[in-house]
Amino acid sequence: MQHEISVARISCTIGAVKNLTITVEDSVLEWARVEAARRGTSVSRMVGDFMAEMMQREDAYERAYLAWRTDERGWQGPAAADAPEMQARSASLKRAGGPKRPKNGAAA
């Protein structure tokens, strides 16, 4: 009697995947194995996902920083809609000799 075993393997790779060798303490590797099992994944996949997440965070931070650097308003003051009101207040303070402060130096 012969038995036929059929195995199907489906693999999908979106980009080039490379191997990485890392050095960690035994306690860290043990934690990673337990954590990967708890998540239903492998240590390799968990480390790869962690690195991809860090890359995305760094990219998002860089984009936000560049957007802030190229923002024409920068630190120059409020939005354009509030500018006339703030300019009028600033002009009235200049005419009045600046904001009023208590004589003892305490904040108002």
PDB file of N, CA and C in Angstrom:
ATOM      1  N   MET A   1       0.833  -1.162   0.000  1.00  0.00           N
ATOM      2  CA  MET A   1       0.000   0.000   0.000  1.00  0.00           C
ATOM      3  C   MET A   1       0.890   1.241   0.000  1.00  0.00           C
ATOM      4  N   GLN A   2       0.626   2.128  -0.953  1.00  0.00           N
ATOM      5  CA  GLN A   2       1.392   3.374  -1.048  1.00  0.00           C
ATOM      6  C   GLN A   2       0.516   4.544  -0.644  1.00  0.00           C
ATOM      7  N   HIS A   3       1.133   5.490   0.019  1.00  0.00           N
ATOM      8  CA  HIS A   3       0.443   6.716   0.405  1.00  0.00           C
ATOM      9  C   HIS A   3       1.067   7.881  -0.341  1.00  0.00           C
ATOM     10  N   GLU A   4       0.217   8.704  -0.863  1.00  0.00           N
ATOM     11  CA  GLU A   4       0.698   9.879  -1.583  1.00  0.00           C
ATOM     12  C   GLU A   4       0.531  11.104  -0.684  1.00  0.00           C
ATOM     13  N   ILE A   5       1.604  11.828  -0.513  1.00  0.00           N
ATOM     14  CA  ILE A   5       1.569  13.051   0.299  1.00  0.00           C
ATOM     15  C   ILE A   5       1.778  14.230  -0.630  1.00  0.00           C
ATOM     16  N   SER A   6       0.872  15.152  -0.525  1.00  0.00           N
ATOM     17  CA  SER A   6       0.943  16.348  -1.350  1.00  0.00           C
ATOM     18  C   SER A   6       1.157  17.560  -0.441  1.00  0.00           C
ATOM     19  N   VAL A   7       2.139  18.350  -0.758  1.00  0.00           N
ATOM     20  CA  VAL A   7       2.447  19.541   0.037  1.00  0.00           C
ATOM     21  C   VAL A   7       2.409  20.749  -0.892  1.00  0.00           C
ATOM     22  N   ALA A   8       1.682  21.742  -0.468  1.00  0.00           N
ATOM     23  CA  ALA A   8       1.631  22.981  -1.249  1.00  0.00           C
ATOM     24  C   ALA A   8       2.310  24.082  -0.453  1.00  0.00           C
ATOM     25  N   ARG A   9       3.168  24.796  -1.068  1.00  0.00           N
ATOM     26  CA  ARG A   9       3.846  25.906  -0.415  1.00  0.00           C
ATOM     27  C   ARG A   9       3.565  27.165  -1.220  1.00  0.00           C
ATOM     28  N   ILE A  10       3.030  28.152  -0.544  1.00  0.00           N
ATOM     29  CA  ILE A  10       2.756  29.437  -1.191  1.00  0.00           C
ATOM     30  C   ILE A  10       3.649  30.469  -0.533  1.00  0.00           C
ATOM     31  N   SER A  11       4.390  31.169  -1.325  1.00  0.00           N
ATOM     32  CA  SER A  11       5.297  32.188  -0.798  1.00  0.00           C
ATOM     33  C   SER A  11       5.139  33.453  -1.622  1.00  0.00           C
ATOM     34  N   CYS A  12       5.067  34.545  -0.943  1.00  0.00           N
ATOM     35  CA  CYS A  12       4.924  35.832  -1.624  1.00  0.00           C
ATOM     36  C   CYS A  12       5.928  36.807  -1.033  1.00  0.00           C
ATOM     37  N   THR A  13       6.784  37.311  -1.844  1.00  0.00           N
ATOM     38  CA  THR A  13       7.761  38.297  -1.392  1.00  0.00           C
ATOM     39  C   THR A  13       7.531  39.575  -2.167  1.00  0.00           C
ATOM     40  N   ILE A  14       7.266  40.655  -1.441  1.00  0.00           N
ATOM     41  CA  ILE A  14       6.989  41.936  -2.086  1.00  0.00           C
ATOM     42  C   ILE A  14       8.287  42.653  -2.440  1.00  0.00           C
ATOM     43  N   GLY A  15       9.243  42.612  -1.574  1.00  0.00           N
ATOM     44  CA  GLY A  15      10.522  43.263  -1.830  1.00  0.00           C
ATOM     45  C   GLY A  15      11.639  42.293  -1.515  1.00  0.00           C
ATOM     46  N   ALA A  16      12.857  42.754  -1.688  1.00  0.00           N
ATOM     47  CA  ALA A  16      14.000  41.915  -1.380  1.00  0.00           C
ATOM     48  C   ALA A  16      14.087  41.742   0.133  1.00  0.00           C
ATOM     49  N   VAL A  17      14.211  40.515   0.584  1.00  0.00           N
ATOM     50  CA  VAL A  17      14.325  40.213   1.998  1.00  0.00           C
ATOM     51  C   VAL A  17      15.729  39.705   2.251  1.00  0.00           C
ATOM     52  N   LYS A  18      16.380  40.267   3.252  1.00  0.00           N
ATOM     53  CA  LYS A  18      17.752  39.883   3.582  1.00  0.00           C
ATOM     54  C   LYS A  18      17.798  39.276   4.973  1.00  0.00           C
ATOM     55  N   ASN A  19      18.762  38.428   5.201  1.00  0.00           N
ATOM     56  CA  ASN A  19      18.991  37.856   6.521  1.00  0.00           C
ATOM     57  C   ASN A  19      19.836  38.822   7.341  1.00  0.00           C
ATOM     58  N   LEU A  20      19.636  38.770   8.660  1.00  0.00           N
ATOM     59  CA  LEU A  20      20.352  39.636   9.579  1.00  0.00           C
ATOM     60  C   LEU A  20      20.764  38.807  10.782  1.00  0.00           C
ATOM     61  N   THR A  21      22.016  38.898  11.156  1.00  0.00           N
ATOM     62  CA  THR A  21      22.495  38.210  12.347  1.00  0.00           C
ATOM     63  C   THR A  21      22.689  39.260  13.429  1.00  0.00           C
ATOM     64  N   ILE A  22      22.106  38.997  14.599  1.00  0.00           N
ATOM     65  CA  ILE A  22      22.238  39.937  15.713  1.00  0.00           C
ATOM     66  C   ILE A  22      22.801  39.212  16.927  1.00  0.00           C
ATOM     67  N   THR A  23      23.366  39.965  17.835  1.00  0.00           N
ATOM     68  CA  THR A  23      23.898  39.421  19.074  1.00  0.00           C
ATOM     69  C   THR A  23      23.110  40.019  20.220  1.00  0.00           C
ATOM     70  N   VAL A  24      22.520  39.160  21.045  1.00  0.00           N
ATOM     71  CA  VAL A  24      21.752  39.607  22.210  1.00  0.00           C
ATOM     72  C   VAL A  24      22.097  38.717  23.399  1.00  0.00           C
ATOM     73  N   GLU A  25      21.815  39.230  24.574  1.00  0.00           N
ATOM     74  CA  GLU A  25      22.020  38.445  25.786  1.00  0.00           C
ATOM     75  C   GLU A  25      21.004  37.302  25.821  1.00  0.00           C
ATOM     76  N   ASP A  26      21.357  36.251  26.526  1.00  0.00           N
ATOM     77  CA  ASP A  26      20.483  35.071  26.629  1.00  0.00           C
ATOM     78  C   ASP A  26      19.104  35.441  27.166  1.00  0.00           C
ATOM     79  N   SER A  27      19.058  36.310  28.171  1.00  0.00           N
ATOM     80  CA  SER A  27      17.772  36.680  28.768  1.00  0.00           C
ATOM     81  C   SER A  27      16.888  37.431  27.763  1.00  0.00           C
ATOM     82  N   VAL A  28      17.513  38.238  26.912  1.00  0.00           N
ATOM     83  CA  VAL A  28      16.752  38.973  25.892  1.00  0.00           C
ATOM     84  C   VAL A  28      16.197  38.007  24.858  1.00  0.00           C
ATOM     85  N   LEU A  29      17.008  37.042  24.446  1.00  0.00           N
ATOM     86  CA  LEU A  29      16.546  36.057  23.463  1.00  0.00           C
ATOM     87  C   LEU A  29      15.420  35.203  24.033  1.00  0.00           C
ATOM     88  N   GLU A  30      15.534  34.822  25.290  1.00  0.00           N
ATOM     89  CA  GLU A  30      14.471  34.029  25.913  1.00  0.00           C
ATOM     90  C   GLU A  30      13.176  34.826  25.956  1.00  0.00           C
ATOM     91  N   TRP A  31      13.263  36.107  26.354  1.00  0.00           N
ATOM     92  CA  TRP A  31      12.072  36.962  26.364  1.00  0.00           C
ATOM     93  C   TRP A  31      11.482  37.064  24.955  1.00  0.00           C
ATOM     94  N   ALA A  32      12.338  37.273  23.947  1.00  0.00           N
ATOM     95  CA  ALA A  32      11.874  37.422  22.568  1.00  0.00           C
ATOM     96  C   ALA A  32      11.163  36.151  22.088  1.00  0.00           C
ATOM     97  N   ARG A  33      11.686  34.997  22.449  1.00  0.00           N
ATOM     98  CA  ARG A  33      11.040  33.738  22.049  1.00  0.00           C
ATOM     99  C   ARG A  33       9.650  33.606  22.678  1.00  0.00           C
ATOM    100  N   VAL A  34       9.561  33.928  23.971  1.00  0.00           N
ATOM    101  CA  VAL A  34       8.271  33.840  24.660  1.00  0.00           C
ATOM    102  C   VAL A  34       7.292  34.856  24.075  1.00  0.00           C
ATOM    103  N   GLU A  35       7.768  36.080  23.865  1.00  0.00           N
ATOM    104  CA  GLU A  35       6.903  37.141  23.320  1.00  0.00           C
ATOM    105  C   GLU A  35       6.445  36.805  21.902  1.00  0.00           C
ATOM    106  N   ALA A  36       7.332  36.286  21.083  1.00  0.00           N
ATOM    107  CA  ALA A  36       6.958  35.902  19.720  1.00  0.00           C
ATOM    108  C   ALA A  36       5.911  34.784  19.749  1.00  0.00           C
ATOM    109  N   ALA A  37       6.085  33.815  20.627  1.00  0.00           N
ATOM    110  CA  ALA A  37       5.104  32.730  20.733  1.00  0.00           C
ATOM    111  C   ALA A  37       3.761  33.274  21.193  1.00  0.00           C
ATOM    112  N   ARG A  38       3.798  34.204  22.157  1.00  0.00           N
ATOM    113  CA  ARG A  38       2.556  34.800  22.644  1.00  0.00           C
ATOM    114  C   ARG A  38       1.814  35.530  21.526  1.00  0.00           C
ATOM    115  N   ARG A  39       2.585  36.162  20.635  1.00  0.00           N
ATOM    116  CA  ARG A  39       1.992  36.914  19.513  1.00  0.00           C
ATOM    117  C   ARG A  39       1.686  36.032  18.307  1.00  0.00           C
ATOM    118  N   GLY A  40       2.110  34.783  18.358  1.00  0.00           N
ATOM    119  CA  GLY A  40       1.858  33.879  17.238  1.00  0.00           C
ATOM    120  C   GLY A  40       2.732  34.180  16.032  1.00  0.00           C
ATOM    121  N   THR A  41       3.967  34.559  16.273  1.00  0.00           N
ATOM    122  CA  THR A  41       4.879  34.885  15.184  1.00  0.00           C
ATOM    123  C   THR A  41       6.262  34.348  15.534  1.00  0.00           C
ATOM    124  N   SER A  42       7.238  34.652  14.715  1.00  0.00           N
ATOM    125  CA  SER A  42       8.612  34.223  14.985  1.00  0.00           C
ATOM    126  C   SER A  42       9.419  35.409  15.511  1.00  0.00           C
ATOM    127  N   VAL A  43      10.538  35.095  16.136  1.00  0.00           N
ATOM    128  CA  VAL A  43      11.435  36.154  16.609  1.00  0.00           C
ATOM    129  C   VAL A  43      11.913  36.972  15.412  1.00  0.00           C
ATOM    130  N   SER A  44      12.227  36.291  14.337  1.00  0.00           N
ATOM    131  CA  SER A  44      12.691  36.979  13.135  1.00  0.00           C
ATOM    132  C   SER A  44      11.650  37.963  12.613  1.00  0.00           C
ATOM    133  N   ARG A  45      10.399  37.519  12.522  1.00  0.00           N
ATOM    134  CA  ARG A  45       9.322  38.385  12.037  1.00  0.00           C
ATOM    135  C   ARG A  45       9.090  39.546  13.019  1.00  0.00           C
ATOM    136  N   MET A  46       9.148  39.251  14.316  1.00  0.00           N
ATOM    137  CA  MET A  46       8.918  40.289  15.327  1.00  0.00           C
ATOM    138  C   MET A  46      10.007  41.362  15.252  1.00  0.00           C
ATOM    139  N   VAL A  47      11.247  40.956  15.095  1.00  0.00           N
ATOM    140  CA  VAL A  47      12.341  41.921  14.976  1.00  0.00           C
ATOM    141  C   VAL A  47      12.203  42.720  13.677  1.00  0.00           C
ATOM    142  N   GLY A  48      11.865  42.041  12.596  1.00  0.00           N
ATOM    143  CA  GLY A  48      11.677  42.741  11.319  1.00  0.00           C
ATOM    144  C   GLY A  48      10.542  43.745  11.384  1.00  0.00           C
ATOM    145  N   ASP A  49       9.425  43.358  12.014  1.00  0.00           N
ATOM    146  CA  ASP A  49       8.295  44.283  12.167  1.00  0.00           C
ATOM    147  C   ASP A  49       8.676  45.475  13.030  1.00  0.00           C
ATOM    148  N   PHE A  50       9.435  45.217  14.097  1.00  0.00           N
ATOM    149  CA  PHE A  50       9.894  46.293  14.971  1.00  0.00           C
ATOM    150  C   PHE A  50      10.755  47.292  14.194  1.00  0.00           C
ATOM    151  N   MET A  51      11.669  46.787  13.395  1.00  0.00           N
ATOM    152  CA  MET A  51      12.550  47.665  12.618  1.00  0.00           C
ATOM    153  C   MET A  51      11.754  48.458  11.586  1.00  0.00           C
ATOM    154  N   ALA A  52      10.780  47.816  10.938  1.00  0.00           N
ATOM    155  CA  ALA A  52       9.951  48.515   9.952  1.00  0.00           C
ATOM    156  C   ALA A  52       9.126  49.607  10.624  1.00  0.00           C
ATOM    157  N   GLU A  53       8.607  49.318  11.826  1.00  0.00           N
ATOM    158  CA  GLU A  53       7.831  50.324  12.565  1.00  0.00           C
ATOM    159  C   GLU A  53       8.704  51.514  12.947  1.00  0.00           C
ATOM    160  N   MET A  54       9.919  51.237  13.393  1.00  0.00           N
ATOM    161  CA  MET A  54      10.841  52.327  13.745  1.00  0.00           C
ATOM    162  C   MET A  54      11.172  53.172  12.514  1.00  0.00           C
ATOM    163  N   MET A  55      11.346  52.523  11.374  1.00  0.00           N
ATOM    164  CA  MET A  55      11.632  53.242  10.138  1.00  0.00           C
ATOM    165  C   MET A  55      10.458  54.149   9.771  1.00  0.00           C
ATOM    166  N   GLN A  56       9.233  53.642   9.889  1.00  0.00           N
ATOM    167  CA  GLN A  56       8.052  54.453   9.580  1.00  0.00           C
ATOM    168  C   GLN A  56       7.927  55.633  10.520  1.00  0.00           C
ATOM    169  N   ARG A  57       8.189  55.410  11.818  1.00  0.00           N
ATOM    170  CA  ARG A  57       8.129  56.520  12.788  1.00  0.00           C
ATOM    171  C   ARG A  57       9.162  57.584  12.453  1.00  0.00           C
ATOM    172  N   GLU A  58      10.362  57.143  12.117  1.00  0.00           N
ATOM    173  CA  GLU A  58      11.431  58.088  11.778  1.00  0.00           C
ATOM    174  C   GLU A  58      11.064  58.878  10.520  1.00  0.00           C
ATOM    175  N   ASP A  59      10.503  58.186   9.530  1.00  0.00           N
ATOM    176  CA  ASP A  59      10.073  58.867   8.307  1.00  0.00           C
ATOM    177  C   ASP A  59       8.972  59.877   8.609  1.00  0.00           C
ATOM    178  N   ALA A  60       8.016  59.512   9.459  1.00  0.00           N
ATOM    179  CA  ALA A  60       6.922  60.422   9.818  1.00  0.00           C
ATOM    180  C   ALA A  60       7.467  61.631  10.563  1.00  0.00           C
ATOM    181  N   TYR A  61       8.426  61.407  11.468  1.00  0.00           N
ATOM    182  CA  TYR A  61       9.035  62.510  12.202  1.00  0.00           C
ATOM    183  C   TYR A  61       9.761  63.447  11.241  1.00  0.00           C
ATOM    184  N   GLU A  62      10.506  62.873  10.324  1.00  0.00           N
ATOM    185  CA  GLU A  62      11.253  63.680   9.346  1.00  0.00           C
ATOM    186  C   GLU A  62      10.305  64.511   8.483  1.00  0.00           C
ATOM    187  N   ARG A  63       9.195  63.898   8.039  1.00  0.00           N
ATOM    188  CA  ARG A  63       8.216  64.641   7.239  1.00  0.00           C
ATOM    189  C   ARG A  63       7.597  65.780   8.042  1.00  0.00           C
ATOM    190  N   ALA A  64       7.266  65.521   9.307  1.00  0.00           N
ATOM    191  CA  ALA A  64       6.672  66.559  10.154  1.00  0.00           C
ATOM    192  C   ALA A  64       7.675  67.686  10.393  1.00  0.00           C
ATOM    193  N   TYR A  65       8.922  67.334  10.627  1.00  0.00           N
ATOM    194  CA  TYR A  65       9.951  68.344  10.848  1.00  0.00           C
ATOM    195  C   TYR A  65      10.138  69.207   9.601  1.00  0.00           C
ATOM    196  N   LEU A  66      10.208  68.570   8.451  1.00  0.00           N
ATOM    197  CA  LEU A  66      10.376  69.344   7.210  1.00  0.00           C
ATOM    198  C   LEU A  66       9.166  70.226   6.934  1.00  0.00           C
ATOM    199  N   ALA A  67       7.961  69.725   7.241  1.00  0.00           N
ATOM    200  CA  ALA A  67       6.761  70.544   7.067  1.00  0.00           C
ATOM    201  C   ALA A  67       6.810  71.754   7.989  1.00  0.00           C
ATOM    202  N   TRP A  68       7.269  71.551   9.226  1.00  0.00           N
ATOM    203  CA  TRP A  68       7.388  72.662  10.171  1.00  0.00           C
ATOM    204  C   TRP A  68       8.425  73.675   9.680  1.00  0.00           C
ATOM    205  N   ARG A  69       9.556  73.163   9.168  1.00  0.00           N
ATOM    206  CA  ARG A  69      10.627  74.060   8.702  1.00  0.00           C
ATOM    207  C   ARG A  69      10.195  74.891   7.498  1.00  0.00           C
ATOM    208  N   THR A  70       9.324  74.343   6.666  1.00  0.00           N
ATOM    209  CA  THR A  70       8.909  75.058   5.456  1.00  0.00           C
ATOM    210  C   THR A  70       7.610  75.833   5.656  1.00  0.00           C
ATOM    211  N   ASP A  71       7.020  75.754   6.861  1.00  0.00           N
ATOM    212  CA  ASP A  71       5.790  76.495   7.165  1.00  0.00           C
ATOM    213  C   ASP A  71       6.138  77.981   7.191  1.00  0.00           C
ATOM    214  N   GLU A  72       5.476  78.766   6.366  1.00  0.00           N
ATOM    215  CA  GLU A  72       5.786  80.196   6.267  1.00  0.00           C
ATOM    216  C   GLU A  72       5.500  80.930   7.561  1.00  0.00           C
ATOM    217  N   ARG A  73       4.534  80.442   8.337  1.00  0.00           N
ATOM    218  CA  ARG A  73       4.211  81.110   9.597  1.00  0.00           C
ATOM    219  C   ARG A  73       5.279  80.852  10.638  1.00  0.00           C
ATOM    220  N   GLY A  74       5.831  79.648  10.663  1.00  0.00           N
ATOM    221  CA  GLY A  74       6.857  79.303  11.628  1.00  0.00           C
ATOM    222  C   GLY A  74       6.492  79.743  13.030  1.00  0.00           C
ATOM    223  N   TRP A  75       7.395  80.400  13.696  1.00  0.00           N
ATOM    224  CA  TRP A  75       7.176  80.882  15.058  1.00  0.00           C
ATOM    225  C   TRP A  75       6.876  82.365  15.063  1.00  0.00           C
ATOM    226  N   GLN A  76       6.455  82.902  13.936  1.00  0.00           N
ATOM    227  CA  GLN A  76       6.260  84.340  13.830  1.00  0.00           C
ATOM    228  C   GLN A  76       4.955  84.821  14.431  1.00  0.00           C
ATOM    229  N   GLY A  77       4.065  83.976  14.785  1.00  0.00           N
ATOM    230  CA  GLY A  77       2.838  84.446  15.404  1.00  0.00           C
ATOM    231  C   GLY A  77       1.642  83.613  15.004  1.00  0.00           C
ATOM    232  N   PRO A  78       0.451  84.125  15.301  1.00  0.00           N
ATOM    233  CA  PRO A  78      -0.779  83.374  15.046  1.00  0.00           C
ATOM    234  C   PRO A  78      -1.105  83.290  13.566  1.00  0.00           C
ATOM    235  N   ALA A  79      -2.137  82.529  13.294  1.00  0.00           N
ATOM    236  CA  ALA A  79      -2.587  82.362  11.905  1.00  0.00           C
ATOM    237  C   ALA A  79      -3.018  83.702  11.330  1.00  0.00           C
ATOM    238  N   ALA A  80      -3.066  83.795  10.035  1.00  0.00           N
ATOM    239  CA  ALA A  80      -3.390  85.052   9.355  1.00  0.00           C
ATOM    240  C   ALA A  80      -4.744  85.607   9.775  1.00  0.00           C
ATOM    241  N   ALA A  81      -5.702  84.761  10.107  1.00  0.00           N
ATOM    242  CA  ALA A  81      -7.033  85.228  10.490  1.00  0.00           C
ATOM    243  C   ALA A  81      -6.982  86.034  11.789  1.00  0.00           C
ATOM    244  N   ASP A  82      -6.063  85.711  12.683  1.00  0.00           N
ATOM    245  CA  ASP A  82      -5.949  86.409  13.961  1.00  0.00           C
ATOM    246  C   ASP A  82      -4.981  87.588  13.902  1.00  0.00           C
ATOM    247  N   ALA A  83      -4.221  87.721  12.842  1.00  0.00           N
ATOM    248  CA  ALA A  83      -3.167  88.733  12.773  1.00  0.00           C
ATOM    249  C   ALA A  83      -3.668  90.157  12.964  1.00  0.00           C
ATOM    250  N   PRO A  84      -4.738  90.645  12.315  1.00  0.00           N
ATOM    251  CA  PRO A  84      -5.160  92.037  12.519  1.00  0.00           C
ATOM    252  C   PRO A  84      -5.503  92.338  13.970  1.00  0.00           C
ATOM    253  N   GLU A  85      -6.194  91.415  14.641  1.00  0.00           N
ATOM    254  CA  GLU A  85      -6.552  91.615  16.046  1.00  0.00           C
ATOM    255  C   GLU A  85      -5.301  91.716  16.912  1.00  0.00           C
ATOM    256  N   MET A  86      -4.338  90.830  16.661  1.00  0.00           N
ATOM    257  CA  MET A  86      -3.115  90.851  17.451  1.00  0.00           C
ATOM    258  C   MET A  86      -2.298  92.102  17.167  1.00  0.00           C
ATOM    259  N   GLN A  87      -2.269  92.566  15.909  1.00  0.00           N
ATOM    260  CA  GLN A  87      -1.541  93.783  15.581  1.00  0.00           C
ATOM    261  C   GLN A  87      -2.166  94.986  16.269  1.00  0.00           C
ATOM    262  N   ALA A  88      -3.495  95.046  16.298  1.00  0.00           N
ATOM    263  CA  ALA A  88      -4.188  96.159  16.951  1.00  0.00           C
ATOM    264  C   ALA A  88      -3.879  96.148  18.442  1.00  0.00           C
ATOM    265  N   ARG A  89      -3.886  94.977  19.079  1.00  0.00           N
ATOM    266  CA  ARG A  89      -3.594  94.882  20.509  1.00  0.00           C
ATOM    267  C   ARG A  89      -2.156  95.299  20.775  1.00  0.00           C
ATOM    268  N   SER A  90      -1.240  94.837  19.918  1.00  0.00           N
ATOM    269  CA  SER A  90       0.165  95.184  20.078  1.00  0.00           C
ATOM    270  C   SER A  90       0.363  96.690  19.966  1.00  0.00           C
ATOM    271  N   ALA A  91      -0.318  97.327  18.995  1.00  0.00           N
ATOM    272  CA  ALA A  91      -0.189  98.775  18.810  1.00  0.00           C
ATOM    273  C   ALA A  91      -0.746  99.523  20.015  1.00  0.00           C
ATOM    274  N   SER A  92      -1.864  99.063  20.574  1.00  0.00           N
ATOM    275  CA  SER A  92      -2.442  99.745  21.730  1.00  0.00           C
ATOM    276  C   SER A  92      -1.547  99.584  22.953  1.00  0.00           C
ATOM    277  N   LEU A  93      -0.872  98.440  23.094  1.00  0.00           N
ATOM    278  CA  LEU A  93       0.051  98.262  24.207  1.00  0.00           C
ATOM    279  C   LEU A  93       1.253  99.182  24.083  1.00  0.00           C
ATOM    280  N   LYS A  94       1.745  99.374  22.850  1.00  0.00           N
ATOM    281  CA  LYS A  94       2.879 100.274  22.637  1.00  0.00           C
ATOM    282  C   LYS A  94       2.499 101.701  22.991  1.00  0.00           C
ATOM    283  N   ARG A  95       1.293 102.118  22.580  1.00  0.00           N
ATOM    284  CA  ARG A  95       0.844 103.485  22.892  1.00  0.00           C
ATOM    285  C   ARG A  95       0.676 103.672  24.391  1.00  0.00           C
ATOM    286  N   ALA A  96       0.242 102.627  25.087  1.00  0.00           N
ATOM    287  CA  ALA A  96      -0.017 102.736  26.518  1.00  0.00           C
ATOM    288  C   ALA A  96       1.248 102.510  27.343  1.00  0.00           C
ATOM    289  N   GLY A  97       2.350 102.271  26.700  1.00  0.00           N
ATOM    290  CA  GLY A  97       3.596 102.067  27.430  1.00  0.00           C
ATOM    291  C   GLY A  97       3.830 100.630  27.857  1.00  0.00           C
ATOM    292  N   GLY A  98       3.218  99.681  27.183  1.00  0.00           N
ATOM    293  CA  GLY A  98       3.421  98.265  27.474  1.00  0.00           C
ATOM    294  C   GLY A  98       2.381  97.737  28.434  1.00  0.00           C
ATOM    295  N   PRO A  99       2.424  96.442  28.724  1.00  0.00           N
ATOM    296  CA  PRO A  99       1.446  95.855  29.634  1.00  0.00           C
ATOM    297  C   PRO A  99       1.660  96.366  31.049  1.00  0.00           C
ATOM    298  N   LYS A 100       0.589  96.497  31.803  1.00  0.00           N
ATOM    299  CA  LYS A 100       0.658  96.977  33.183  1.00  0.00           C
ATOM    300  C   LYS A 100       1.166  95.859  34.083  1.00  0.00           C
ATOM    301  N   ARG A 101       2.132  96.179  34.948  1.00  0.00           N
ATOM    302  CA  ARG A 101       2.682  95.207  35.887  1.00  0.00           C
ATOM    303  C   ARG A 101       2.579  95.763  37.290  1.00  0.00           C
ATOM    304  N   PRO A 102       2.321  94.924  38.265  1.00  0.00           N
ATOM    305  CA  PRO A 102       2.294  95.383  39.643  1.00  0.00           C
ATOM    306  C   PRO A 102       3.649  95.915  40.085  1.00  0.00           C
ATOM    307  N   LYS A 103       3.668  96.830  41.004  1.00  0.00           N
ATOM    308  CA  LYS A 103       4.930  97.458  41.444  1.00  0.00           C
ATOM    309  C   LYS A 103       5.855  96.488  42.172  1.00  0.00           C
ATOM    310  N   ASN A 104       5.319  95.448  42.788  1.00  0.00           N
ATOM    311  CA  ASN A 104       6.157  94.512  43.527  1.00  0.00           C
ATOM    312  C   ASN A 104       6.834  93.483  42.626  1.00  0.00           C
ATOM    313  N   GLY A 105       6.602  93.536  41.329  1.00  0.00           N
ATOM    314  CA  GLY A 105       7.242  92.645  40.359  1.00  0.00           C
ATOM    315  C   GLY A 105       6.524  91.321  40.151  1.00  0.00           C
ATOM    316  N   ALA A 106       5.418  91.102  40.848  1.00  0.00           N
ATOM    317  CA  ALA A 106       4.664  89.851  40.669  1.00  0.00           C
ATOM    318  C   ALA A 106       3.948  89.854  39.331  1.00  0.00           C
ATOM    319  N   ALA A 107       3.726  88.695  38.787  1.00  0.00           N
ATOM    320  CA  ALA A 107       3.014  88.584  37.526  1.00  0.00           C
ATOM    321  C   ALA A 107       1.551  88.939  37.716  1.00  0.00           C
ATOM    322  N   ALA A 108       0.954  89.531  36.685  1.00  0.00           N
ATOM    323  CA  ALA A 108      -0.459  89.920  36.774  1.00  0.00           C
ATOM    324  C   ALA A 108      -1.372  88.751  36.583  1.00  0.00           C
TER     325      ALA A 108
END
